[in-house]
Amino acid sequence: MIAVVEQGTARGSRIANLTIAGKTATAQNPHGLDHGWFIGFAPADKPEIVVGAIVEFARHGTAVAPLVSRAIAHYLGIDEQTASQLRVTLPNDSAPAPFQIPVLPDTVPPPPVIPVDTGVARPPTR
């Protein structure tokens, strides 16, 4: 899993002086662009944190890995300047572009939680 970040599909999410291990994935989407996943942990030799992300329509886990790496770096106290130097290359792009994490203002409410009816009988609530 270290090779995925050092040499493989998540190599655009490497951070200096931190060994991250992880796995990218792609979920096919019959309604549009594929969804990208990445789950990573660090430090690879003695993990302190595990972070995973799924981004709809990201096309591939390669596009998601920098998000996870920056979250890991933040948790481990790596300065923002080092972590912000991440670059990501999407599968069909010819040149890497700086990756920016969108920041929403505090006034934006979280999306609603919609209960899913699984068909399984639940005990009545009191």
C-alpha atoms as a PDB file:
ATOM      1  CA  MET A   1       0.000   0.000   0.000  1.00  0.00           C
ATOM      2  CA  ILE A   2       2.990   2.283   0.407  1.00  0.00           C
ATOM      3  CA  ALA A   3       3.813   1.727  -3.278  1.00  0.00           C
ATOM      4  CA  VAL A   4       0.363   3.056  -4.250  1.00  0.00           C
ATOM      5  CA  VAL A   5       1.346   6.441  -2.796  1.00  0.00           C
ATOM      6  CA  GLU A   6       5.059   6.374  -3.622  1.00  0.00           C
ATOM      7  CA  GLN A   7       4.887   5.054  -7.195  1.00  0.00           C
ATOM      8  CA  GLY A   8       1.285   4.215  -8.090  1.00  0.00           C
ATOM      9  CA  THR A   9      -2.074   5.829  -8.660  1.00  0.00           C
ATOM     10  CA  ALA A  10      -1.827   8.107  -5.594  1.00  0.00           C
ATOM     11  CA  ARG A  11       1.720   9.364  -6.239  1.00  0.00           C
ATOM     12  CA  GLY A  12       0.387  12.894  -6.704  1.00  0.00           C
ATOM     13  CA  SER A  13      -0.558  12.966  -3.028  1.00  0.00           C
ATOM     14  CA  ARG A  14       2.900  12.374  -1.539  1.00  0.00           C
ATOM     15  CA  ILE A  15       3.985  14.652   1.279  1.00  0.00           C
ATOM     16  CA  ALA A  16       7.655  15.275   2.085  1.00  0.00           C
ATOM     17  CA  ASN A  17       8.946  13.499   5.200  1.00  0.00           C
ATOM     18  CA  LEU A  18       5.719  11.502   5.686  1.00  0.00           C
ATOM     19  CA  THR A  19       5.128   7.957   4.480  1.00  0.00           C
ATOM     20  CA  ILE A  20       1.462   7.491   3.668  1.00  0.00           C
ATOM     21  CA  ALA A  21       0.033   4.135   2.608  1.00  0.00           C
ATOM     22  CA  GLY A  22      -3.318   3.701   0.952  1.00  0.00           C
ATOM     23  CA  LYS A  23      -5.514   2.424  -1.834  1.00  0.00           C
ATOM     24  CA  THR A  24      -7.319   4.225  -4.621  1.00  0.00           C
ATOM     25  CA  ALA A  25     -10.519   2.900  -6.126  1.00  0.00           C
ATOM     26  CA  THR A  26     -13.079   3.779  -8.754  1.00  0.00           C
ATOM     27  CA  ALA A  27     -16.793   3.038  -8.622  1.00  0.00           C
ATOM     28  CA  GLN A  28     -18.556   2.880 -11.945  1.00  0.00           C
ATOM     29  CA  ASN A  29     -21.499   5.230 -12.328  1.00  0.00           C
ATOM     30  CA  PRO A  30     -24.035   4.434 -15.044  1.00  0.00           C
ATOM     31  CA  HIS A  31     -25.438   7.990 -14.774  1.00  0.00           C
ATOM     32  CA  GLY A  32     -22.268   9.990 -15.399  1.00  0.00           C
ATOM     33  CA  LEU A  33     -18.606  10.213 -14.474  1.00  0.00           C
ATOM     34  CA  ASP A  34     -17.258   7.498 -12.187  1.00  0.00           C
ATOM     35  CA  HIS A  35     -16.803   8.103  -8.448  1.00  0.00           C
ATOM     36  CA  GLY A  36     -13.307   8.168  -6.906  1.00  0.00           C
ATOM     37  CA  TRP A  37     -12.247   6.722  -3.563  1.00  0.00           C
ATOM     38  CA  PHE A  38      -9.079   6.801  -1.510  1.00  0.00           C
ATOM     39  CA  ILE A  39      -8.346   5.392   1.928  1.00  0.00           C
ATOM     40  CA  GLY A  40      -4.978   6.192   3.462  1.00  0.00           C
ATOM     41  CA  PHE A  41      -3.149   5.865   6.744  1.00  0.00           C
ATOM     42  CA  ALA A  42       0.021   7.350   8.202  1.00  0.00           C
ATOM     43  CA  PRO A  43       2.705   7.081   9.276  1.00  0.00           C
ATOM     44  CA  ALA A  44       2.791   3.843   7.298  1.00  0.00           C
ATOM     45  CA  ASP A  45       5.162   2.067   9.687  1.00  0.00           C
ATOM     46  CA  LYS A  46       3.215   3.005  12.846  1.00  0.00           C
ATOM     47  CA  PRO A  47      -0.243   4.349  11.878  1.00  0.00           C
ATOM     48  CA  GLU A  48      -1.815   7.067  13.983  1.00  0.00           C
ATOM     49  CA  ILE A  49      -4.656   8.017  11.656  1.00  0.00           C
ATOM     50  CA  VAL A  50      -6.800   6.510   8.912  1.00  0.00           C
ATOM     51  CA  VAL A  51      -8.788   8.745   6.562  1.00  0.00           C
ATOM     52  CA  GLY A  52     -11.053   7.784   3.696  1.00  0.00           C
ATOM     53  CA  ALA A  53     -12.958   9.834   1.155  1.00  0.00           C
ATOM     54  CA  ILE A  54     -15.422   9.178  -1.635  1.00  0.00           C
ATOM     55  CA  VAL A  55     -15.975  11.959  -4.155  1.00  0.00           C
ATOM     56  CA  GLU A  56     -18.829  11.646  -6.613  1.00  0.00           C
ATOM     57  CA  PHE A  57     -17.951  12.196 -10.270  1.00  0.00           C
ATOM     58  CA  ALA A  58     -14.207  12.456  -9.497  1.00  0.00           C
ATOM     59  CA  ARG A  59     -13.505   9.917 -12.288  1.00  0.00           C
ATOM     60  CA  HIS A  60     -10.833   8.048 -10.293  1.00  0.00           C
ATOM     61  CA  GLY A  61      -9.323   7.673  -6.837  1.00  0.00           C
ATOM     62  CA  THR A  62      -6.286   9.568  -8.109  1.00  0.00           C
ATOM     63  CA  ALA A  63      -8.284  12.790  -7.792  1.00  0.00           C
ATOM     64  CA  VAL A  64      -9.336  11.985  -4.216  1.00  0.00           C
ATOM     65  CA  ALA A  65      -5.955  10.980  -2.753  1.00  0.00           C
ATOM     66  CA  PRO A  66      -4.691  14.579  -2.238  1.00  0.00           C
ATOM     67  CA  LEU A  67      -7.766  15.381  -0.113  1.00  0.00           C
ATOM     68  CA  VAL A  68      -6.985  12.490   2.187  1.00  0.00           C
ATOM     69  CA  SER A  69      -3.262  13.277   2.318  1.00  0.00           C
ATOM     70  CA  ARG A  70      -3.937  16.870   3.324  1.00  0.00           C
ATOM     71  CA  ALA A  71      -6.355  15.747   6.047  1.00  0.00           C
ATOM     72  CA  ILE A  72      -3.723  13.336   7.366  1.00  0.00           C
ATOM     73  CA  ALA A  73      -1.044  16.050   7.253  1.00  0.00           C
ATOM     74  CA  HIS A  74      -3.302  18.452   9.133  1.00  0.00           C
ATOM     75  CA  TYR A  75      -3.990  15.882  11.837  1.00  0.00           C
ATOM     76  CA  LEU A  76      -0.282  15.077  12.212  1.00  0.00           C
ATOM     77  CA  GLY A  77       0.637  18.771  12.447  1.00  0.00           C
ATOM     78  CA  ILE A  78       2.476  19.088   9.148  1.00  0.00           C
ATOM     79  CA  ASP A  79       2.487  22.730   8.100  1.00  0.00           C
ATOM     80  CA  GLU A  80      -0.060  23.859   5.520  1.00  0.00           C
ATOM     81  CA  GLN A  81       2.651  25.174   3.185  1.00  0.00           C
ATOM     82  CA  THR A  82       4.137  21.686   2.756  1.00  0.00           C
ATOM     83  CA  ALA A  83       0.748  20.002   2.447  1.00  0.00           C
ATOM     84  CA  SER A  84      -0.569  22.578  -0.023  1.00  0.00           C
ATOM     85  CA  GLN A  85       2.191  21.721  -2.498  1.00  0.00           C
ATOM     86  CA  LEU A  86       0.241  18.605  -3.506  1.00  0.00           C
ATOM     87  CA  ARG A  87      -0.434  18.235  -7.195  1.00  0.00           C
ATOM     88  CA  VAL A  88      -2.907  15.872  -8.794  1.00  0.00           C
ATOM     89  CA  THR A  89      -3.053  14.464 -12.303  1.00  0.00           C
ATOM     90  CA  LEU A  90      -6.406  13.173 -13.447  1.00  0.00           C
ATOM     91  CA  PRO A  91      -6.327  10.105 -15.719  1.00  0.00           C
ATOM     92  CA  ASN A  92      -6.943  11.922 -19.031  1.00  0.00           C
ATOM     93  CA  ASP A  93      -5.132  15.157 -18.241  1.00  0.00           C
ATOM     94  CA  SER A  94      -1.729  15.883 -19.724  1.00  0.00           C
ATOM     95  CA  ALA A  95      -0.378  18.159 -16.990  1.00  0.00           C
ATOM     96  CA  PRO A  96      -0.846  18.293 -13.237  1.00  0.00           C
ATOM     97  CA  ALA A  97      -2.807  21.158 -11.759  1.00  0.00           C
ATOM     98  CA  PRO A  98      -2.717  22.514  -8.204  1.00  0.00           C
ATOM     99  CA  PHE A  99      -5.380  20.898  -6.087  1.00  0.00           C
ATOM    100  CA  GLN A 100      -7.490  23.095  -3.817  1.00  0.00           C
ATOM    101  CA  ILE A 101      -9.856  21.839  -1.142  1.00  0.00           C
ATOM    102  CA  PRO A 102     -13.094  23.814  -1.364  1.00  0.00           C
ATOM    103  CA  VAL A 103     -13.946  25.570   1.875  1.00  0.00           C
ATOM    104  CA  LEU A 104     -17.580  26.286   2.651  1.00  0.00           C
ATOM    105  CA  PRO A 105     -18.525  29.171   4.940  1.00  0.00           C
ATOM    106  CA  ASP A 106     -19.856  28.244   8.380  1.00  0.00           C
ATOM    107  CA  THR A 107     -23.257  29.564   7.356  1.00  0.00           C
ATOM    108  CA  VAL A 108     -23.836  26.695   4.912  1.00  0.00           C
ATOM    109  CA  PRO A 109     -26.010  24.085   6.657  1.00  0.00           C
ATOM    110  CA  PRO A 110     -25.072  20.411   6.325  1.00  0.00           C
ATOM    111  CA  PRO A 111     -27.077  18.349   3.865  1.00  0.00           C
ATOM    112  CA  PRO A 112     -30.184  16.686   5.283  1.00  0.00           C
ATOM    113  CA  VAL A 113     -30.035  13.096   6.458  1.00  0.00           C
ATOM    114  CA  ILE A 114     -32.628  11.093   4.588  1.00  0.00           C
ATOM    115  CA  PRO A 115     -33.649   7.837   6.272  1.00  0.00           C
ATOM    116  CA  VAL A 116     -33.602   4.783   4.046  1.00  0.00           C
ATOM    117  CA  ASP A 117     -36.319   2.169   4.359  1.00  0.00           C
ATOM    118  CA  THR A 118     -34.463  -1.149   4.314  1.00  0.00           C
ATOM    119  CA  GLY A 119     -37.592  -3.213   4.751  1.00  0.00           C
ATOM    120  CA  VAL A 120     -36.281  -4.569   8.045  1.00  0.00           C
ATOM    121  CA  ALA A 121     -38.749  -4.348  10.933  1.00  0.00           C
ATOM    122  CA  ARG A 122     -37.487  -2.101  13.704  1.00  0.00           C
ATOM    123  CA  PRO A 123     -38.648  -2.100  17.303  1.00  0.00           C
ATOM    124  CA  PRO A 124     -40.964   0.802  18.098  1.00  0.00           C
ATOM    125  CA  THR A 125     -39.315   3.946  19.475  1.00  0.00           C
ATOM    126  CA  ARG A 126     -40.397   5.159  22.869  1.00  0.00           C
END
